[in-house]
Amino acid sequence: KIYAQVAESAVSKPASSKSTQNSEKTEKNITQTSVHKKKKKEMHKEKNFQIFRNRRLILK
């Protein structure tokens, strides 16, 4: 009985909905990755600026 229900639900669901969900997930992952890269880049830039500023103060 359970197997029949599972088979019916698998057949009744259109395959296209799964592919659209996957594409949405992929798109979301790409945007999250790009935001993460931007933040990482900004943090690295800030860190380098602080190091540069500290060196300048030491040399004075």
Protein backbone atom coordinates (compact mmCIF):
# COMPACT_ATOMS: atom_id res chain seq x y z
CA LYS A 1 0.00 0.00 0.00
CA ILE A 2 2.78 2.46 0.93
CA TYR A 3 4.74 1.60 -2.20
CA ALA A 4 1.71 2.36 -4.35
CA GLN A 5 1.28 5.78 -2.71
CA VAL A 6 4.95 6.62 -3.18
CA ALA A 7 4.82 5.55 -6.82
CA GLU A 8 1.66 7.61 -7.41
CA SER A 9 3.12 10.71 -5.80
CA ALA A 10 6.32 10.34 -7.82
CA VAL A 11 4.35 10.02 -11.05
CA SER A 12 1.89 12.81 -10.24
CA LYS A 13 4.63 15.39 -9.55
CA PRO A 14 5.83 17.06 -12.73
CA ALA A 15 9.56 16.79 -13.35
CA SER A 16 9.74 20.45 -14.38
CA SER A 17 8.99 21.68 -10.85
CA LYS A 18 12.05 19.86 -9.55
CA SER A 19 14.29 21.37 -12.22
CA THR A 20 13.02 24.88 -11.48
CA GLN A 21 13.67 24.35 -7.78
CA ASN A 22 17.21 23.23 -8.59
CA SER A 23 17.83 26.25 -10.80
CA GLU A 24 16.53 28.55 -8.05
CA LYS A 25 18.83 26.89 -5.52
CA THR A 26 21.78 27.21 -7.89
CA GLU A 27 21.00 30.88 -8.49
CA LYS A 28 20.72 31.48 -4.74
CA ASN A 29 24.05 29.72 -4.14
CA ILE A 30 25.75 31.82 -6.82
CA THR A 31 24.47 35.08 -5.31
CA GLN A 32 25.49 33.99 -1.80
CA THR A 33 28.95 33.06 -3.08
CA SER A 34 29.40 36.40 -4.83
CA VAL A 35 28.29 38.31 -1.72
CA HIS A 36 30.67 36.23 0.38
CA LYS A 37 33.54 36.94 -2.03
CA LYS A 38 32.79 40.68 -1.92
CA LYS A 39 32.78 40.70 1.88
CA LYS A 40 36.00 38.69 1.99
CA LYS A 41 37.63 41.08 -0.48
CA GLU A 42 36.51 44.12 1.53
CA MET A 43 37.81 42.61 4.77
CA HIS A 44 41.15 41.85 3.10
CA LYS A 45 41.35 45.40 1.75
CA GLU A 46 40.59 46.83 5.21
CA LYS A 47 43.21 44.58 6.81
CA ASN A 48 45.85 45.66 4.29
CA PHE A 49 44.98 49.31 4.88
CA GLN A 50 45.38 48.87 8.65
CA ILE A 51 48.75 47.18 8.19
CA PHE A 52 49.89 49.98 5.88
CA ARG A 53 48.72 52.63 8.35
CA ASN A 54 50.49 50.89 11.24
CA ARG A 55 53.75 50.67 9.28
CA ARG A 56 53.51 54.37 8.46
CA LEU A 57 53.02 55.22 12.13
CA ILE A 58 55.98 53.07 13.15
CA LEU A 59 58.25 54.70 10.58
CA LYS A 60 57.39 58.24 11.73
